[in-house]
Amino acid sequence: MKKFLQNIFSIKREKNHKIITILGIKIKIFQPKAEKLHYCPICNTEGEFKDFGITLLRKSVQCPNCNSLERHRLLYFIYKKYFLNTEKVIKVLHTAPEKCIYDVICKNSNIDYIPIDLCPERYKFCQCKKEDITNLSFTENTFDFVLSNQVMEHILDEKKYISELLRVLKPGGYFLLNFPVDMALDKTFQDNSIITPEEREKYYGQNDHVRKYGRDIFDKLKKEYNAKIVFAQDIFKDKDIKKYKLSKYEFVGILKK
């Protein structure tokens, strides 16, 4: 009976459709793409994204191919606007380089790219130079662009961090930065008596953070550095935020020297 039914009726599933065969007649039925599918513009990958998070798990945010997260995909679009396709030779400094960003930047031979970190041995994918970000070895006015993401929350002397990166930036150059901000928090919380990894994880959300930024940081950057803050929701429609799996409050701070 089972074999008889298979001869008169069958279903074959394809990538985005299924074929139903009844008495030799084939019917193709297209199925809409699952809402779980997202697109990574960095590596041109479409598919289901992975969950990611240490203390707080974020669902379906990590590209399975290049491992980019929400911030990397927003940064890609900002970098593309400012310099990725440059036809003139430029110098770019990148602190704590992310591999998915590194891979994109290195495609353009016009970009003289220098990745740096205090612990360069952690970055096996590139020739990372050892540098103290608050006391750089570079001379003033060296770089056209400075990129620094998810770094400022680790630095005790925030002012020195910003002033040093601006020092090595050429006049007219851009310092593009990103860091975690708790959008539910009005004011940044920092207590210098909180020094153990356990305390820092409890109060700041990660054991190597030295503060938890609140929304007041945006006004501070605007007032002190004439910064422009660009949120994902400012430049993308809701459908694209879903497509690229961005957070609407993900942002890039843009400081021009």
Protein backbone atom coordinates (compact mmCIF):
# COMPACT_ATOMS: atom_id res chain seq x y z
CA MET A 1 0.00 0.00 0.00
CA LYS A 2 2.85 2.34 0.92
CA LYS A 3 4.61 1.68 -2.40
CA PHE A 4 1.35 2.23 -4.26
CA LEU A 5 0.85 5.63 -2.61
CA GLN A 6 4.44 6.63 -3.41
CA ASN A 7 3.77 5.93 -7.08
CA ILE A 8 0.80 8.27 -7.22
CA PHE A 9 1.87 10.95 -4.74
CA SER A 10 5.27 12.33 -3.72
CA ILE A 11 6.84 15.50 -2.33
CA LYS A 12 10.37 16.69 -3.17
CA ARG A 13 11.76 19.62 -1.17
CA GLU A 14 14.15 22.09 -2.79
CA LYS A 15 15.90 25.20 -1.41
CA ASN A 16 12.99 27.62 -1.71
CA HIS A 17 10.23 25.48 -3.12
CA LYS A 18 8.77 21.99 -3.09
CA ILE A 19 7.55 19.81 -5.95
CA ILE A 20 4.38 17.80 -5.41
CA THR A 21 3.77 14.97 -7.89
CA ILE A 22 0.24 13.55 -8.20
CA LEU A 23 -0.42 10.82 -10.78
CA GLY A 24 2.64 11.97 -12.75
CA ILE A 25 1.62 15.63 -12.72
CA LYS A 26 4.26 17.89 -11.09
CA ILE A 27 3.23 21.01 -9.18
CA LYS A 28 5.95 23.46 -8.03
CA ILE A 29 5.05 25.41 -4.91
CA PHE A 30 7.32 28.29 -3.92
CA GLN A 31 7.82 28.95 -0.24
CA PRO A 32 8.80 32.35 1.24
CA LYS A 33 12.23 32.55 2.80
CA ALA A 34 12.21 31.85 6.48
CA GLU A 35 12.43 34.93 8.67
CA LYS A 36 15.47 33.40 10.29
CA LEU A 37 17.52 34.03 7.16
CA HIS A 38 19.73 37.11 7.29
CA TYR A 39 22.32 38.65 4.98
CA CYS A 40 25.89 39.57 5.84
CA PRO A 41 27.18 42.33 3.52
CA ILE A 42 30.74 41.78 4.70
CA CYS A 43 31.15 38.27 3.28
CA ASN A 44 28.06 38.11 1.05
CA THR A 45 26.51 35.27 3.04
CA GLU A 46 22.80 34.56 3.44
CA GLY A 47 21.52 32.11 6.00
CA GLU A 48 20.67 31.51 9.60
CA PHE A 49 22.81 33.53 11.98
CA LYS A 50 24.18 32.09 15.23
CA ASP A 51 23.42 33.09 18.79
CA PHE A 52 26.17 35.02 20.57
CA GLY A 53 26.83 36.41 24.02
CA ILE A 54 28.80 35.91 27.22
CA THR A 55 26.65 37.22 30.08
CA LEU A 56 23.64 38.00 27.88
CA LEU A 57 22.82 35.73 24.93
CA ARG A 58 21.73 37.55 21.78
CA LYS A 59 19.70 35.44 19.38
CA SER A 60 20.69 35.05 15.71
CA VAL A 61 23.27 37.85 15.53
CA GLN A 62 26.53 36.24 14.37
CA CYS A 63 27.29 35.49 10.73
CA PRO A 64 28.18 31.78 10.43
CA ASN A 65 30.80 32.51 7.78
CA CYS A 66 32.85 35.56 8.83
CA ASN A 67 31.63 35.74 12.46
CA SER A 68 30.56 39.37 12.12
CA LEU A 69 28.18 40.79 14.72
CA GLU A 70 25.64 43.62 14.57
CA ARG A 71 28.27 46.33 15.07
CA HIS A 72 30.60 44.95 12.40
CA ARG A 73 27.89 45.00 9.76
CA LEU A 74 26.99 48.61 10.59
CA LEU A 75 30.68 49.55 10.61
CA TYR A 76 31.09 47.97 7.19
CA PHE A 77 28.54 50.34 5.68
CA ILE A 78 30.12 53.35 7.40
CA TYR A 79 33.63 52.35 6.34
CA LYS A 80 32.42 51.76 2.81
CA LYS A 81 31.03 55.28 2.70
CA TYR A 82 34.22 56.85 4.03
CA PHE A 83 37.20 54.92 2.71
CA LEU A 84 36.89 51.24 1.74
CA ASN A 85 36.76 51.96 -1.98
CA THR A 86 39.37 54.73 -1.96
CA GLU A 87 41.38 55.18 -5.13
CA LYS A 88 44.07 57.24 -3.43
CA VAL A 89 46.65 55.94 -1.00
CA ILE A 90 45.62 56.42 2.63
CA LYS A 91 46.92 55.32 6.03
CA VAL A 92 44.54 53.58 8.43
CA LEU A 93 45.19 52.75 12.09
CA HIS A 94 43.01 50.01 13.61
CA THR A 95 43.02 49.24 17.34
CA ALA A 96 42.17 45.70 18.50
CA PRO A 97 41.47 44.62 14.91
CA GLU A 98 38.47 42.42 14.12
CA LYS A 99 39.21 39.75 11.52
CA CYS A 100 36.04 40.31 9.48
CA ILE A 101 36.92 44.02 9.18
CA TYR A 102 40.58 43.29 8.53
CA ASP A 103 39.67 40.97 5.64
CA VAL A 104 37.62 43.68 3.94
CA ILE A 105 40.13 46.50 4.39
CA CYS A 106 43.04 44.43 3.05
CA LYS A 107 41.26 43.91 -0.27
CA ASN A 108 42.17 47.48 -1.23
CA SER A 109 45.88 47.87 -1.97
CA ASN A 110 45.55 51.65 -1.67
CA ILE A 111 45.05 51.33 2.08
CA ASP A 112 48.24 51.32 4.14
CA TYR A 113 46.77 49.42 7.07
CA ILE A 114 48.34 49.21 10.54
CA PRO A 115 46.62 47.06 13.20
CA ILE A 116 47.72 47.59 16.82
CA ASP A 117 47.06 46.16 20.27
CA LEU A 118 48.73 45.93 23.66
CA CYS A 119 48.71 42.13 23.24
CA PRO A 120 49.39 41.60 19.51
CA GLU A 121 49.96 37.86 19.95
CA ARG A 122 46.19 37.43 20.18
CA TYR A 123 45.80 38.40 16.52
CA LYS A 124 47.24 35.51 14.54
CA PHE A 125 45.50 36.57 11.32
CA CYS A 126 47.53 39.78 10.83
CA GLN A 127 50.84 41.45 11.59
CA CYS A 128 49.62 43.30 14.64
CA LYS A 129 51.97 45.88 16.15
CA LYS A 130 52.38 46.18 19.93
CA GLU A 131 51.26 49.62 21.10
CA ASP A 132 49.99 51.27 24.24
CA ILE A 133 46.91 53.09 23.02
CA THR A 134 47.42 55.90 25.55
CA ASN A 135 51.06 56.39 24.57
CA LEU A 136 51.45 55.66 20.87
CA SER A 137 54.85 55.57 19.12
CA PHE A 138 53.55 57.29 15.96
CA THR A 139 54.22 60.94 15.20
CA GLU A 140 51.46 63.52 15.01
CA ASN A 141 49.30 63.80 11.88
CA THR A 142 50.15 60.32 10.55
CA PHE A 143 46.82 58.65 9.72
CA ASP A 144 43.87 59.50 7.49
CA PHE A 145 41.55 57.26 9.51
CA VAL A 146 41.63 55.78 13.00
CA LEU A 147 39.29 52.87 13.77
CA SER A 148 38.63 51.80 17.34
CA ASN A 149 35.77 49.52 18.34
CA GLN A 150 34.89 48.05 21.74
CA VAL A 151 38.03 49.50 23.28
CA MET A 152 37.15 52.67 25.20
CA GLU A 153 35.24 50.75 27.90
CA HIS A 154 38.53 48.98 28.78
CA ILE A 155 40.61 52.16 29.21
CA LEU A 156 40.78 53.89 32.61
CA ASP A 157 41.96 57.22 31.17
CA GLU A 158 39.23 57.86 28.62
CA LYS A 159 40.39 61.40 27.84
CA LYS A 160 43.96 60.27 27.17
CA TYR A 161 42.67 57.48 24.92
CA ILE A 162 40.73 59.90 22.72
CA SER A 163 43.36 62.66 22.70
CA GLU A 164 46.14 60.23 21.75
CA LEU A 165 44.22 58.79 18.81
CA LEU A 166 43.32 62.30 17.66
CA ARG A 167 46.98 63.31 17.98
CA VAL A 168 48.12 60.80 15.36
CA LEU A 169 45.23 61.67 13.04
CA LYS A 170 45.89 64.03 10.13
CA PRO A 171 43.99 67.34 10.01
CA GLY A 172 40.75 66.60 8.20
CA GLY A 173 41.03 62.93 9.11
CA TYR A 174 38.36 60.83 10.81
CA PHE A 175 38.34 58.91 14.06
CA LEU A 176 35.55 56.31 13.86
CA LEU A 177 34.68 54.57 17.11
CA ASN A 178 32.17 52.22 18.64
CA PHE A 179 31.69 50.96 22.20
CA PRO A 180 28.92 49.35 24.26
CA VAL A 181 26.25 51.67 25.69
CA ASP A 182 23.40 50.66 27.98
CA MET A 183 20.56 52.61 26.39
CA ALA A 184 18.45 52.13 29.54
CA LEU A 185 21.06 53.97 31.59
CA ASP A 186 20.84 57.79 31.77
CA LYS A 187 24.33 58.37 33.14
CA THR A 188 27.58 56.47 32.78
CA PHE A 189 28.48 54.45 35.86
CA GLN A 190 32.10 54.24 36.98
CA ASP A 191 33.46 53.45 40.43
CA ASN A 192 37.25 53.24 40.61
CA SER A 193 37.03 51.11 43.75
CA ILE A 194 35.57 48.31 41.60
CA ILE A 195 38.74 46.50 40.58
CA THR A 196 38.30 42.72 40.76
CA PRO A 197 37.14 40.77 37.70
CA GLU A 198 34.16 39.48 39.67
CA GLU A 199 33.06 42.98 40.69
CA ARG A 200 33.54 44.36 37.20
CA GLU A 201 31.46 41.61 35.68
CA LYS A 202 28.74 42.25 38.26
CA TYR A 203 28.57 46.02 37.81
CA TYR A 204 29.86 46.60 34.27
CA GLY A 205 28.74 43.41 32.54
CA GLN A 206 32.24 42.15 31.68
CA ASN A 207 35.24 41.37 33.84
CA ASP A 208 37.66 43.61 31.94
CA HIS A 209 35.45 46.69 31.59
CA VAL A 210 36.16 49.72 33.77
CA ARG A 211 32.80 51.50 33.37
CA LYS A 212 29.30 51.06 32.00
CA TYR A 213 28.36 53.76 29.51
CA GLY A 214 24.97 55.41 29.61
CA ARG A 215 23.28 57.69 27.11
CA ASP A 216 25.07 60.77 28.49
CA ILE A 217 28.24 59.72 26.63
CA PHE A 218 26.71 60.85 23.36
CA ASP A 219 26.24 64.43 24.58
CA LYS A 220 29.74 64.37 26.07
CA LEU A 221 31.33 63.36 22.76
CA LYS A 222 29.30 65.98 20.91
CA LYS A 223 30.17 68.75 23.36
CA GLU A 224 33.86 67.99 23.86
CA TYR A 225 34.83 66.68 20.42
CA ASN A 226 32.10 67.93 18.11
CA ALA A 227 31.33 64.28 17.36
CA LYS A 228 28.56 63.06 15.10
CA ILE A 229 26.67 60.01 16.36
CA VAL A 230 25.10 57.85 13.65
CA PHE A 231 22.62 55.15 14.70
CA ALA A 232 21.58 52.23 12.50
CA GLN A 233 17.98 53.47 12.66
CA ASP A 234 19.12 56.81 11.18
CA ILE A 235 20.31 55.27 7.92
CA PHE A 236 18.39 52.01 7.52
CA LYS A 237 14.73 51.19 7.09
CA ASP A 238 13.22 48.59 9.43
CA LYS A 239 13.28 45.93 6.72
CA ASP A 240 17.03 46.41 6.22
CA ILE A 241 17.71 46.37 9.95
CA LYS A 242 16.03 42.96 9.99
CA LYS A 243 17.79 41.82 6.82
CA TYR A 244 21.29 42.65 8.08
CA LYS A 245 20.36 41.73 11.66
CA LEU A 246 21.34 45.07 13.15
CA SER A 247 20.31 46.67 16.40
CA LYS A 248 18.54 49.97 15.68
CA TYR A 249 20.57 51.55 18.51
CA GLU A 250 23.91 50.28 17.22
CA PHE A 251 25.99 53.36 16.44
CA VAL A 252 29.24 54.82 15.16
CA GLY A 253 30.83 57.91 16.67
CA ILE A 254 32.51 60.10 14.04
CA LEU A 255 35.16 62.59 15.19
CA LYS A 256 36.78 64.81 12.57
CA LYS A 257 40.10 66.51 13.30
